[in-house]
Amino acid sequence: MFSSTRFHARRGFQLLDVQAALVVLGIALAGLIPIAVAQLRLIKRIESRSSLELVQFLVPESEPWARKLGAAPRRTIIDPGSFSGGGTLSPVNTILVDSVATSSADDTASVIVTVIPIGG
């Protein structure tokens, strides 16, 4: 009745299917690794720039026209232990970080903050 030369369909995956899937997975992971490494470098750079032991100020540009044109403020860092302004440093504002957005394309970070005056 049935011939032994007749092809019987098998169910499941063949070894070639599994190998092809692993090749595609490997290519996808190889493409994601540089992105992950770039993000880790950016996070380390941001963390190394900001230290909780240091007092950080944003100093606006002194030239009025530069401020009108939207010049970015300078970031000034003072170590409280080496402060020579006389007296002690007292906080003026409380700053809450609302959100942080990073761009690996141009290696920048944008931070949205809320400033709450102390005692006011």
PDB file of N, CA and C in Angstrom:
ATOM      1  N   MET A   1       0.800  -1.196   0.000  1.00  0.00           N
ATOM      2  CA  MET A   1       0.000   0.000   0.000  1.00  0.00           C
ATOM      3  C   MET A   1       0.849   1.270   0.000  1.00  0.00           C
ATOM      4  N   PHE A   2       1.564   1.476   1.110  1.00  0.00           N
ATOM      5  CA  PHE A   2       2.390   2.683   1.167  1.00  0.00           C
ATOM      6  C   PHE A   2       3.804   2.345   0.731  1.00  0.00           C
ATOM      7  N   SER A   3       4.325   3.185  -0.060  1.00  0.00           N
ATOM      8  CA  SER A   3       5.677   2.971  -0.550  1.00  0.00           C
ATOM      9  C   SER A   3       6.679   3.464   0.489  1.00  0.00           C
ATOM     10  N   SER A   4       7.781   2.805   0.640  1.00  0.00           N
ATOM     11  CA  SER A   4       8.805   3.210   1.603  1.00  0.00           C
ATOM     12  C   SER A   4       9.601   4.407   1.087  1.00  0.00           C
ATOM     13  N   THR A   5       9.485   4.714  -0.197  1.00  0.00           N
ATOM     14  CA  THR A   5      10.212   5.853  -0.754  1.00  0.00           C
ATOM     15  C   THR A   5       9.424   7.143  -0.629  1.00  0.00           C
ATOM     16  N   ARG A   6       8.217   7.042  -0.110  1.00  0.00           N
ATOM     17  CA  ARG A   6       7.398   8.241   0.026  1.00  0.00           C
ATOM     18  C   ARG A   6       7.944   9.102   1.175  1.00  0.00           C
ATOM     19  N   PHE A   7       7.971  10.409   0.977  1.00  0.00           N
ATOM     20  CA  PHE A   7       8.512  11.365   1.965  1.00  0.00           C
ATOM     21  C   PHE A   7       7.449  11.641   3.023  1.00  0.00           C
ATOM     22  N   HIS A   8       7.808  11.513   4.258  1.00  0.00           N
ATOM     23  CA  HIS A   8       6.897  11.827   5.357  1.00  0.00           C
ATOM     24  C   HIS A   8       7.304  13.170   5.951  1.00  0.00           C
ATOM     25  N   ALA A   9       6.353  14.079   6.092  1.00  0.00           N
ATOM     26  CA  ALA A   9       6.620  15.396   6.678  1.00  0.00           C
ATOM     27  C   ALA A   9       6.881  15.244   8.171  1.00  0.00           C
ATOM     28  N   ARG A  10       7.910  15.919   8.653  1.00  0.00           N
ATOM     29  CA  ARG A  10       8.242  15.873  10.068  1.00  0.00           C
ATOM     30  C   ARG A  10       7.759  17.146  10.737  1.00  0.00           C
ATOM     31  N   ARG A  11       7.373  17.014  11.964  1.00  0.00           N
ATOM     32  CA  ARG A  11       6.953  18.179  12.721  1.00  0.00           C
ATOM     33  C   ARG A  11       8.125  18.654  13.571  1.00  0.00           C
ATOM     34  N   GLY A  12       8.133  19.964  13.883  1.00  0.00           N
ATOM     35  CA  GLY A  12       9.193  20.514  14.721  1.00  0.00           C
ATOM     36  C   GLY A  12      10.211  21.275  13.886  1.00  0.00           C
ATOM     37  N   PHE A  13      11.276  21.662  14.540  1.00  0.00           N
ATOM     38  CA  PHE A  13      12.322  22.439  13.894  1.00  0.00           C
ATOM     39  C   PHE A  13      13.439  21.534  13.420  1.00  0.00           C
ATOM     40  N   GLN A  14      14.032  21.953  12.331  1.00  0.00           N
ATOM     41  CA  GLN A  14      15.214  21.249  11.869  1.00  0.00           C
ATOM     42  C   GLN A  14      16.439  21.982  12.396  1.00  0.00           C
ATOM     43  N   LEU A  15      17.558  21.331  12.348  1.00  0.00           N
ATOM     44  CA  LEU A  15      18.792  21.925  12.844  1.00  0.00           C
ATOM     45  C   LEU A  15      19.132  23.198  12.076  1.00  0.00           C
ATOM     46  N   LEU A  16      18.852  23.238  10.811  1.00  0.00           N
ATOM     47  CA  LEU A  16      19.129  24.421   9.997  1.00  0.00           C
ATOM     48  C   LEU A  16      18.298  25.611  10.474  1.00  0.00           C
ATOM     49  N   ASP A  17      17.054  25.395  10.875  1.00  0.00           N
ATOM     50  CA  ASP A  17      16.211  26.477  11.387  1.00  0.00           C
ATOM     51  C   ASP A  17      16.799  27.063  12.664  1.00  0.00           C
ATOM     52  N   VAL A  18      17.258  26.193  13.545  1.00  0.00           N
ATOM     53  CA  VAL A  18      17.840  26.645  14.800  1.00  0.00           C
ATOM     54  C   VAL A  18      19.127  27.418  14.538  1.00  0.00           C
ATOM     55  N   GLN A  19      19.948  26.949  13.634  1.00  0.00           N
ATOM     56  CA  GLN A  19      21.193  27.648  13.316  1.00  0.00           C
ATOM     57  C   GLN A  19      20.920  29.019  12.711  1.00  0.00           C
ATOM     58  N   ALA A  20      19.949  29.105  11.839  1.00  0.00           N
ATOM     59  CA  ALA A  20      19.602  30.398  11.236  1.00  0.00           C
ATOM     60  C   ALA A  20      19.099  31.370  12.299  1.00  0.00           C
ATOM     61  N   ALA A  21      18.289  30.883  13.234  1.00  0.00           N
ATOM     62  CA  ALA A  21      17.790  31.742  14.308  1.00  0.00           C
ATOM     63  C   ALA A  21      18.926  32.232  15.198  1.00  0.00           C
ATOM     64  N   LEU A  22      19.893  31.366  15.489  1.00  0.00           N
ATOM     65  CA  LEU A  22      21.038  31.777  16.302  1.00  0.00           C
ATOM     66  C   LEU A  22      21.913  32.797  15.585  1.00  0.00           C
ATOM     67  N   VAL A  23      22.057  32.674  14.289  1.00  0.00           N
ATOM     68  CA  VAL A  23      22.838  33.653  13.515  1.00  0.00           C
ATOM     69  C   VAL A  23      22.156  35.015  13.562  1.00  0.00           C
ATOM     70  N   VAL A  24      20.843  35.048  13.377  1.00  0.00           N
ATOM     71  CA  VAL A  24      20.105  36.314  13.423  1.00  0.00           C
ATOM     72  C   VAL A  24      20.195  36.925  14.819  1.00  0.00           C
ATOM     73  N   LEU A  25      20.067  36.116  15.865  1.00  0.00           N
ATOM     74  CA  LEU A  25      20.181  36.600  17.229  1.00  0.00           C
ATOM     75  C   LEU A  25      21.581  37.157  17.487  1.00  0.00           C
ATOM     76  N   GLY A  26      22.597  36.477  17.011  1.00  0.00           N
ATOM     77  CA  GLY A  26      23.970  36.950  17.184  1.00  0.00           C
ATOM     78  C   GLY A  26      24.220  38.282  16.507  1.00  0.00           C
ATOM     79  N   ILE A  27      23.690  38.460  15.314  1.00  0.00           N
ATOM     80  CA  ILE A  27      23.857  39.738  14.597  1.00  0.00           C
ATOM     81  C   ILE A  27      23.127  40.847  15.338  1.00  0.00           C
ATOM     82  N   ALA A  28      21.929  40.560  15.852  1.00  0.00           N
ATOM     83  CA  ALA A  28      21.176  41.570  16.592  1.00  0.00           C
ATOM     84  C   ALA A  28      21.904  41.973  17.870  1.00  0.00           C
ATOM     85  N   LEU A  29      22.432  41.006  18.602  1.00  0.00           N
ATOM     86  CA  LEU A  29      23.170  41.321  19.829  1.00  0.00           C
ATOM     87  C   LEU A  29      24.459  42.070  19.533  1.00  0.00           C
ATOM     88  N   ALA A  30      25.119  41.730  18.459  1.00  0.00           N
ATOM     89  CA  ALA A  30      26.351  42.431  18.090  1.00  0.00           C
ATOM     90  C   ALA A  30      26.051  43.894  17.751  1.00  0.00           C
ATOM     91  N   GLY A  31      24.864  44.166  17.240  1.00  0.00           N
ATOM     92  CA  GLY A  31      24.484  45.546  16.949  1.00  0.00           C
ATOM     93  C   GLY A  31      24.100  46.314  18.191  1.00  0.00           C
ATOM     94  N   LEU A  32      23.612  45.637  19.230  1.00  0.00           N
ATOM     95  CA  LEU A  32      23.181  46.320  20.453  1.00  0.00           C
ATOM     96  C   LEU A  32      24.315  46.580  21.432  1.00  0.00           C
ATOM     97  N   ILE A  33      25.370  45.809  21.370  1.00  0.00           N
ATOM     98  CA  ILE A  33      26.460  45.958  22.332  1.00  0.00           C
ATOM     99  C   ILE A  33      27.120  47.339  22.257  1.00  0.00           C
ATOM    100  N   PRO A  34      27.430  47.896  21.079  1.00  0.00           N
ATOM    101  CA  PRO A  34      28.027  49.239  21.063  1.00  0.00           C
ATOM    102  C   PRO A  34      27.109  50.312  21.664  1.00  0.00           C
ATOM    103  N   ILE A  35      25.814  50.164  21.509  1.00  0.00           N
ATOM    104  CA  ILE A  35      24.882  51.132  22.082  1.00  0.00           C
ATOM    105  C   ILE A  35      24.925  51.052  23.609  1.00  0.00           C
ATOM    106  N   ALA A  36      24.944  49.860  24.142  1.00  0.00           N
ATOM    107  CA  ALA A  36      25.001  49.686  25.597  1.00  0.00           C
ATOM    108  C   ALA A  36      26.312  50.228  26.157  1.00  0.00           C
ATOM    109  N   VAL A  37      27.416  50.002  25.465  1.00  0.00           N
ATOM    110  CA  VAL A  37      28.714  50.502  25.922  1.00  0.00           C
ATOM    111  C   VAL A  37      28.728  52.025  25.898  1.00  0.00           C
ATOM    112  N   ALA A  38      28.167  52.635  24.868  1.00  0.00           N
ATOM    113  CA  ALA A  38      28.118  54.098  24.787  1.00  0.00           C
ATOM    114  C   ALA A  38      27.273  54.677  25.920  1.00  0.00           C
ATOM    115  N   GLN A  39      26.156  54.034  26.250  1.00  0.00           N
ATOM    116  CA  GLN A  39      25.318  54.508  27.348  1.00  0.00           C
ATOM    117  C   GLN A  39      26.048  54.392  28.684  1.00  0.00           C
ATOM    118  N   LEU A  40      26.767  53.296  28.901  1.00  0.00           N
ATOM    119  CA  LEU A  40      27.525  53.144  30.143  1.00  0.00           C
ATOM    120  C   LEU A  40      28.610  54.209  30.272  1.00  0.00           C
ATOM    121  N   ARG A  41      29.297  54.511  29.173  1.00  0.00           N
ATOM    122  CA  ARG A  41      30.326  55.559  29.207  1.00  0.00           C
ATOM    123  C   ARG A  41      29.711  56.917  29.526  1.00  0.00           C
ATOM    124  N   LEU A  42      28.553  57.212  28.937  1.00  0.00           N
ATOM    125  CA  LEU A  42      27.880  58.480  29.185  1.00  0.00           C
ATOM    126  C   LEU A  42      27.438  58.580  30.643  1.00  0.00           C
ATOM    127  N   ILE A  43      26.912  57.504  31.199  1.00  0.00           N
ATOM    128  CA  ILE A  43      26.486  57.515  32.603  1.00  0.00           C
ATOM    129  C   ILE A  43      27.688  57.718  33.525  1.00  0.00           C
ATOM    130  N   LYS A  44      28.795  57.039  33.248  1.00  0.00           N
ATOM    131  CA  LYS A  44      29.993  57.211  34.077  1.00  0.00           C
ATOM    132  C   LYS A  44      30.504  58.643  33.995  1.00  0.00           C
ATOM    133  N   ARG A  45      30.453  59.225  32.798  1.00  0.00           N
ATOM    134  CA  ARG A  45      30.922  60.600  32.632  1.00  0.00           C
ATOM    135  C   ARG A  45      30.049  61.581  33.403  1.00  0.00           C
ATOM    136  N   ILE A  46      28.736  61.373  33.350  1.00  0.00           N
ATOM    137  CA  ILE A  46      27.823  62.256  34.073  1.00  0.00           C
ATOM    138  C   ILE A  46      28.014  62.093  35.578  1.00  0.00           C
ATOM    139  N   GLU A  47      28.149  60.854  36.038  1.00  0.00           N
ATOM    140  CA  GLU A  47      28.339  60.619  37.468  1.00  0.00           C
ATOM    141  C   GLU A  47      29.672  61.163  37.961  1.00  0.00           C
ATOM    142  N   SER A  48      30.702  61.123  37.139  1.00  0.00           N
ATOM    143  CA  SER A  48      32.000  61.636  37.574  1.00  0.00           C
ATOM    144  C   SER A  48      31.995  63.156  37.654  1.00  0.00           C
ATOM    145  N   ARG A  49      31.132  63.801  36.885  1.00  0.00           N
ATOM    146  CA  ARG A  49      31.064  65.263  36.920  1.00  0.00           C
ATOM    147  C   ARG A  49      30.282  65.775  38.121  1.00  0.00           C
ATOM    148  N   SER A  50      29.379  65.001  38.631  1.00  0.00           N
ATOM    149  CA  SER A  50      28.557  65.466  39.745  1.00  0.00           C
ATOM    150  C   SER A  50      28.887  64.648  40.984  1.00  0.00           C
ATOM    151  N   SER A  51      29.276  65.345  42.014  1.00  0.00           N
ATOM    152  CA  SER A  51      29.610  64.700  43.271  1.00  0.00           C
ATOM    153  C   SER A  51      28.784  65.358  44.370  1.00  0.00           C
ATOM    154  N   LEU A  52      28.276  64.549  45.284  1.00  0.00           N
ATOM    155  CA  LEU A  52      27.456  65.096  46.354  1.00  0.00           C
ATOM    156  C   LEU A  52      28.286  65.854  47.375  1.00  0.00           C
ATOM    157  N   GLU A  53      29.602  65.648  47.407  1.00  0.00           N
ATOM    158  CA  GLU A  53      30.451  66.346  48.354  1.00  0.00           C
ATOM    159  C   GLU A  53      30.755  67.772  47.914  1.00  0.00           C
ATOM    160  N   LEU A  54      30.490  68.097  46.668  1.00  0.00           N
ATOM    161  CA  LEU A  54      30.816  69.415  46.137  1.00  0.00           C
ATOM    162  C   LEU A  54      29.554  70.251  45.978  1.00  0.00           C
ATOM    163  N   VAL A  55      29.708  71.560  46.162  1.00  0.00           N
ATOM    164  CA  VAL A  55      28.606  72.495  45.939  1.00  0.00           C
ATOM    165  C   VAL A  55      28.715  72.983  44.501  1.00  0.00           C
ATOM    166  N   GLN A  56      27.626  72.884  43.772  1.00  0.00           N
ATOM    167  CA  GLN A  56      27.640  73.263  42.361  1.00  0.00           C
ATOM    168  C   GLN A  56      26.712  74.445  42.124  1.00  0.00           C
ATOM    169  N   PHE A  57      27.182  75.390  41.326  1.00  0.00           N
ATOM    170  CA  PHE A  57      26.414  76.583  40.999  1.00  0.00           C
ATOM    171  C   PHE A  57      26.303  76.709  39.493  1.00  0.00           C
ATOM    172  N   LEU A  58      25.194  77.246  39.028  1.00  0.00           N
ATOM    173  CA  LEU A  58      25.073  77.672  37.640  1.00  0.00           C
ATOM    174  C   LEU A  58      25.176  79.186  37.647  1.00  0.00           C
ATOM    175  N   VAL A  59      26.237  79.698  37.046  1.00  0.00           N
ATOM    176  CA  VAL A  59      26.499  81.138  37.035  1.00  0.00           C
ATOM    177  C   VAL A  59      26.091  81.685  35.673  1.00  0.00           C
ATOM    178  N   PRO A  60      25.123  82.619  35.649  1.00  0.00           N
ATOM    179  CA  PRO A  60      24.707  83.164  34.347  1.00  0.00           C
ATOM    180  C   PRO A  60      25.821  83.984  33.704  1.00  0.00           C
ATOM    181  N   GLU A  61      25.738  84.093  32.412  1.00  0.00           N
ATOM    182  CA  GLU A  61      26.711  84.875  31.646  1.00  0.00           C
ATOM    183  C   GLU A  61      26.651  86.322  32.110  1.00  0.00           C
ATOM    184  N   SER A  62      27.822  86.962  32.287  1.00  0.00           N
ATOM    185  CA  SER A  62      27.856  88.335  32.796  1.00  0.00           C
ATOM    186  C   SER A  62      27.484  89.362  31.728  1.00  0.00           C
ATOM    187  N   GLU A  63      27.673  89.031  30.480  1.00  0.00           N
ATOM    188  CA  GLU A  63      27.345  89.953  29.383  1.00  0.00           C
ATOM    189  C   GLU A  63      25.837  89.904  29.113  1.00  0.00           C
ATOM    190  N   PRO A  64      25.132  91.050  29.197  1.00  0.00           N
ATOM    191  CA  PRO A  64      23.672  91.045  29.007  1.00  0.00           C
ATOM    192  C   PRO A  64      23.242  90.545  27.631  1.00  0.00           C
ATOM    193  N   TRP A  65      23.992  90.912  26.580  1.00  0.00           N
ATOM    194  CA  TRP A  65      23.588  90.471  25.240  1.00  0.00           C
ATOM    195  C   TRP A  65      23.750  88.969  25.069  1.00  0.00           C
ATOM    196  N   ALA A  66      24.748  88.415  25.701  1.00  0.00           N
ATOM    197  CA  ALA A  66      24.930  86.960  25.628  1.00  0.00           C
ATOM    198  C   ALA A  66      23.760  86.248  26.310  1.00  0.00           C
ATOM    199  N   ARG A  67      23.286  86.811  27.428  1.00  0.00           N
ATOM    200  CA  ARG A  67      22.124  86.217  28.093  1.00  0.00           C
ATOM    201  C   ARG A  67      20.882  86.317  27.215  1.00  0.00           C
ATOM    202  N   LYS A  68      20.717  87.461  26.537  1.00  0.00           N
ATOM    203  CA  LYS A  68      19.550  87.628  25.665  1.00  0.00           C
ATOM    204  C   LYS A  68      19.587  86.667  24.486  1.00  0.00           C
ATOM    205  N   LEU A  69      20.790  86.333  24.033  1.00  0.00           N
ATOM    206  CA  LEU A  69      20.926  85.411  22.903  1.00  0.00           C
ATOM    207  C   LEU A  69      20.854  83.957  23.348  1.00  0.00           C
ATOM    208  N   GLY A  70      20.706  83.720  24.633  1.00  0.00           N
ATOM    209  CA  GLY A  70      20.518  82.350  25.130  1.00  0.00           C
ATOM    210  C   GLY A  70      21.800  81.613  25.437  1.00  0.00           C
ATOM    211  N   ALA A  71      22.838  82.329  25.836  1.00  0.00           N
ATOM    212  CA  ALA A  71      24.094  81.665  26.180  1.00  0.00           C
ATOM    213  C   ALA A  71      23.897  80.790  27.414  1.00  0.00           C
ATOM    214  N   ALA A  72      24.497  79.641  27.389  1.00  0.00           N
ATOM    215  CA  ALA A  72      24.366  78.702  28.506  1.00  0.00           C
ATOM    216  C   ALA A  72      25.155  79.208  29.705  1.00  0.00           C
ATOM    217  N   PRO A  73      24.642  78.986  30.907  1.00  0.00           N
ATOM    218  CA  PRO A  73      25.388  79.402  32.100  1.00  0.00           C
ATOM    219  C   PRO A  73      26.594  78.509  32.339  1.00  0.00           C
ATOM    220  N   ARG A  74      27.583  79.076  33.016  1.00  0.00           N
ATOM    221  CA  ARG A  74      28.758  78.293  33.389  1.00  0.00           C
ATOM    222  C   ARG A  74      28.441  77.497  34.648  1.00  0.00           C
ATOM    223  N   ARG A  75      29.023  76.329  34.751  1.00  0.00           N
ATOM    224  CA  ARG A  75      28.851  75.513  35.954  1.00  0.00           C
ATOM    225  C   ARG A  75      30.084  75.682  36.811  1.00  0.00           C
ATOM    226  N   THR A  76      29.891  76.176  38.024  1.00  0.00           N
ATOM    227  CA  THR A  76      30.985  76.409  38.943  1.00  0.00           C
ATOM    228  C   THR A  76      30.863  75.430  40.099  1.00  0.00           C
ATOM    229  N   ILE A  77      31.984  74.819  40.459  1.00  0.00           N
ATOM    230  CA  ILE A  77      31.999  73.830  41.531  1.00  0.00           C
ATOM    231  C   ILE A  77      32.915  74.333  42.643  1.00  0.00           C
ATOM    232  N   ILE A  78      32.411  74.285  43.880  1.00  0.00           N
ATOM    233  CA  ILE A  78      33.202  74.709  45.031  1.00  0.00           C
ATOM    234  C   ILE A  78      33.212  73.563  46.035  1.00  0.00           C
ATOM    235  N   ASP A  79      34.402  73.244  46.518  1.00  0.00           N
ATOM    236  CA  ASP A  79      34.525  72.269  47.587  1.00  0.00           C
ATOM    237  C   ASP A  79      34.225  72.992  48.897  1.00  0.00           C
ATOM    238  N   PRO A  80      33.207  72.569  49.657  1.00  0.00           N
ATOM    239  CA  PRO A  80      32.856  73.286  50.890  1.00  0.00           C
ATOM    240  C   PRO A  80      34.004  73.373  51.885  1.00  0.00           C
ATOM    241  N   GLY A  81      34.912  72.397  51.861  1.00  0.00           N
ATOM    242  CA  GLY A  81      36.045  72.438  52.782  1.00  0.00           C
ATOM    243  C   GLY A  81      37.042  73.519  52.433  1.00  0.00           C
ATOM    244  N   SER A  82      37.107  73.938  51.176  1.00  0.00           N
ATOM    245  CA  SER A  82      38.074  74.948  50.768  1.00  0.00           C
ATOM    246  C   SER A  82      37.411  76.283  50.479  1.00  0.00           C
ATOM    247  N   PHE A  83      36.200  76.502  50.992  1.00  0.00           N
ATOM    248  CA  PHE A  83      35.487  77.754  50.743  1.00  0.00           C
ATOM    249  C   PHE A  83      36.157  78.865  51.528  1.00  0.00           C
ATOM    250  N   SER A  84      36.560  79.932  50.843  1.00  0.00           N
ATOM    251  CA  SER A  84      37.287  81.023  51.499  1.00  0.00           C
ATOM    252  C   SER A  84      36.466  82.304  51.499  1.00  0.00           C
ATOM    253  N   GLY A  85      35.172  82.207  51.357  1.00  0.00           N
ATOM    254  CA  GLY A  85      34.338  83.408  51.316  1.00  0.00           C
ATOM    255  C   GLY A  85      33.988  83.941  52.685  1.00  0.00           C
ATOM    256  N   GLY A  86      34.470  83.320  53.737  1.00  0.00           N
ATOM    257  CA  GLY A  86      34.142  83.767  55.080  1.00  0.00           C
ATOM    258  C   GLY A  86      32.809  83.190  55.506  1.00  0.00           C
ATOM    259  N   GLY A  87      32.749  82.726  56.706  1.00  0.00           N
ATOM    260  CA  GLY A  87      31.506  82.142  57.203  1.00  0.00           C
ATOM    261  C   GLY A  87      31.324  80.740  56.656  1.00  0.00           C
ATOM    262  N   THR A  88      30.098  80.283  56.699  1.00  0.00           N
ATOM    263  CA  THR A  88      29.791  78.953  56.205  1.00  0.00           C
ATOM    264  C   THR A  88      28.843  79.049  55.029  1.00  0.00           C
ATOM    265  N   LEU A  89      28.824  78.019  54.235  1.00  0.00           N
ATOM    266  CA  LEU A  89      27.894  77.969  53.122  1.00  0.00           C
ATOM    267  C   LEU A  89      26.537  77.529  53.641  1.00  0.00           C
ATOM    268  N   SER A  90      25.520  78.243  53.243  1.00  0.00           N
ATOM    269  CA  SER A  90      24.172  77.814  53.611  1.00  0.00           C
ATOM    270  C   SER A  90      23.365  77.695  52.330  1.00  0.00           C
ATOM    271  N   PRO A  91      22.545  76.661  52.230  1.00  0.00           N
ATOM    272  CA  PRO A  91      21.773  76.478  51.004  1.00  0.00           C
ATOM    273  C   PRO A  91      20.735  77.577  50.832  1.00  0.00           C
ATOM    274  N   VAL A  92      20.532  77.950  49.582  1.00  0.00           N
ATOM    275  CA  VAL A  92      19.568  78.990  49.245  1.00  0.00           C
ATOM    276  C   VAL A  92      18.312  78.366  48.655  1.00  0.00           C
ATOM    277  N   ASN A  93      18.486  77.352  47.838  1.00  0.00           N
ATOM    278  CA  ASN A  93      17.370  76.696  47.175  1.00  0.00           C
ATOM    279  C   ASN A  93      17.492  75.184  47.302  1.00  0.00           C
ATOM    280  N   THR A  94      16.344  74.530  47.238  1.00  0.00           N
ATOM    281  CA  THR A  94      16.321  73.084  47.108  1.00  0.00           C
ATOM    282  C   THR A  94      16.012  72.776  45.655  1.00  0.00           C
ATOM    283  N   ILE A  95      16.798  71.913  45.049  1.00  0.00           N
ATOM    284  CA  ILE A  95      16.609  71.588  43.643  1.00  0.00           C
ATOM    285  C   ILE A  95      16.195  70.128  43.535  1.00  0.00           C
ATOM    286  N   LEU A  96      15.051  69.891  42.908  1.00  0.00           N
ATOM    287  CA  LEU A  96      14.564  68.536  42.676  1.00  0.00           C
ATOM    288  C   LEU A  96      14.714  68.220  41.195  1.00  0.00           C
ATOM    289  N   VAL A  97      15.310  67.100  40.894  1.00  0.00           N
ATOM    290  CA  VAL A  97      15.481  66.682  39.502  1.00  0.00           C
ATOM    291  C   VAL A  97      14.199  65.986  39.058  1.00  0.00           C
ATOM    292  N   ASP A  98      13.522  66.561  38.036  1.00  0.00           N
ATOM    293  CA  ASP A  98      12.271  65.999  37.529  1.00  0.00           C
ATOM    294  C   ASP A  98      12.516  64.918  36.485  1.00  0.00           C
ATOM    295  N   SER A  99      13.399  65.208  35.536  1.00  0.00           N
ATOM    296  CA  SER A  99      13.684  64.216  34.500  1.00  0.00           C
ATOM    297  C   SER A  99      15.061  64.474  33.912  1.00  0.00           C
ATOM    298  N   VAL A 100      15.636  63.396  33.386  1.00  0.00           N
ATOM    299  CA  VAL A 100      16.943  63.468  32.740  1.00  0.00           C
ATOM    300  C   VAL A 100      16.821  62.791  31.383  1.00  0.00           C
ATOM    301  N   ALA A 101      17.270  63.467  30.337  1.00  0.00           N
ATOM    302  CA  ALA A 101      17.259  62.898  28.992  1.00  0.00           C
ATOM    303  C   ALA A 101      18.677  62.976  28.441  1.00  0.00           C
ATOM    304  N   THR A 102      19.174  61.857  27.939  1.00  0.00           N
ATOM    305  CA  THR A 102      20.518  61.828  27.376  1.00  0.00           C
ATOM    306  C   THR A 102      20.454  61.557  25.886  1.00  0.00           C
ATOM    307  N   SER A 103      21.426  62.090  25.180  1.00  0.00           N
ATOM    308  CA  SER A 103      21.535  61.863  23.744  1.00  0.00           C
ATOM    309  C   SER A 103      22.927  61.337  23.464  1.00  0.00           C
ATOM    310  N   SER A 104      23.004  60.106  22.979  1.00  0.00           N
ATOM    311  CA  SER A 104      24.319  59.542  22.677  1.00  0.00           C
ATOM    312  C   SER A 104      24.840  60.043  21.341  1.00  0.00           C
ATOM    313  N   ALA A 105      23.978  60.633  20.527  1.00  0.00           N
ATOM    314  CA  ALA A 105      24.417  61.119  19.221  1.00  0.00           C
ATOM    315  C   ALA A 105      25.377  62.297  19.370  1.00  0.00           C
ATOM    316  N   ASP A 106      25.022  63.284  20.221  1.00  0.00           N
ATOM    317  CA  ASP A 106      25.908  64.427  20.399  1.00  0.00           C
ATOM    318  C   ASP A 106      26.464  64.491  21.818  1.00  0.00           C
ATOM    319  N   ASP A 107      26.308  63.401  22.594  1.00  0.00           N
ATOM    320  CA  ASP A 107      26.933  63.255  23.899  1.00  0.00           C
ATOM    321  C   ASP A 107      26.513  64.362  24.866  1.00  0.00           C
ATOM    322  N   THR A 108      25.211  64.646  24.932  1.00  0.00           N
ATOM    323  CA  THR A 108      24.701  65.672  25.825  1.00  0.00           C
ATOM    324  C   THR A 108      23.651  65.076  26.755  1.00  0.00           C
ATOM    325  N   ALA A 109      23.369  65.812  27.803  1.00  0.00           N
ATOM    326  CA  ALA A 109      22.317  65.431  28.735  1.00  0.00           C
ATOM    327  C   ALA A 109      21.485  66.664  29.039  1.00  0.00           C
ATOM    328  N   SER A 110      20.167  66.507  29.079  1.00  0.00           N
ATOM    329  CA  SER A 110      19.254  67.585  29.440  1.00  0.00           C
ATOM    330  C   SER A 110      18.570  67.204  30.738  1.00  0.00           C
ATOM    331  N   VAL A 111      18.538  68.152  31.660  1.00  0.00           N
ATOM    332  CA  VAL A 111      17.953  67.900  32.968  1.00  0.00           C
ATOM    333  C   VAL A 111      16.871  68.943  33.221  1.00  0.00           C
ATOM    334  N   ILE A 112      15.690  68.489  33.630  1.00  0.00           N
ATOM    335  CA  ILE A 112      14.610  69.392  34.010  1.00  0.00           C
ATOM    336  C   ILE A 112      14.517  69.348  35.529  1.00  0.00           C
ATOM    337  N   VAL A 113      14.614  70.535  36.157  1.00  0.00           N
ATOM    338  CA  VAL A 113      14.627  70.611  37.606  1.00  0.00           C
ATOM    339  C   VAL A 113      13.528  71.534  38.108  1.00  0.00           C
ATOM    340  N   THR A 114      13.161  71.349  39.367  1.00  0.00           N
ATOM    341  CA  THR A 114      12.256  72.249  40.059  1.00  0.00           C
ATOM    342  C   THR A 114      13.053  72.908  41.184  1.00  0.00           C
ATOM    343  N   VAL A 115      13.026  74.256  41.233  1.00  0.00           N
ATOM    344  CA  VAL A 115      13.777  75.000  42.235  1.00  0.00           C
ATOM    345  C   VAL A 115      12.794  75.509  43.285  1.00  0.00           C
ATOM    346  N   ILE A 116      13.040  75.124  44.538  1.00  0.00           N
ATOM    347  CA  ILE A 116      12.177  75.539  45.643  1.00  0.00           C
ATOM    348  C   ILE A 116      13.023  76.400  46.588  1.00  0.00           C
ATOM    349  N   PRO A 117      12.676  77.694  46.718  1.00  0.00           N
ATOM    350  CA  PRO A 117      13.439  78.554  47.648  1.00  0.00           C
ATOM    351  C   PRO A 117      13.266  78.079  49.096  1.00  0.00           C
ATOM    352  N   ILE A 118      14.350  78.084  49.837  1.00  0.00           N
ATOM    353  CA  ILE A 118      14.293  77.670  51.240  1.00  0.00           C
ATOM    354  C   ILE A 118      13.749  78.844  52.048  1.00  0.00           C
ATOM    355  N   GLY A 119      12.741  78.553  52.843  1.00  0.00           N
ATOM    356  CA  GLY A 119      12.147  79.584  53.693  1.00  0.00           C
ATOM    357  C   GLY A 119      11.246  80.542  52.931  1.00  0.00           C
ATOM    358  N   GLY A 120      10.846  80.177  51.729  1.00  0.00           N
ATOM    359  CA  GLY A 120      10.025  81.122  50.981  1.00  0.00           C
ATOM    360  C   GLY A 120       8.927  80.511  50.225  1.00  0.00           C
TER     361      GLY A 120
END
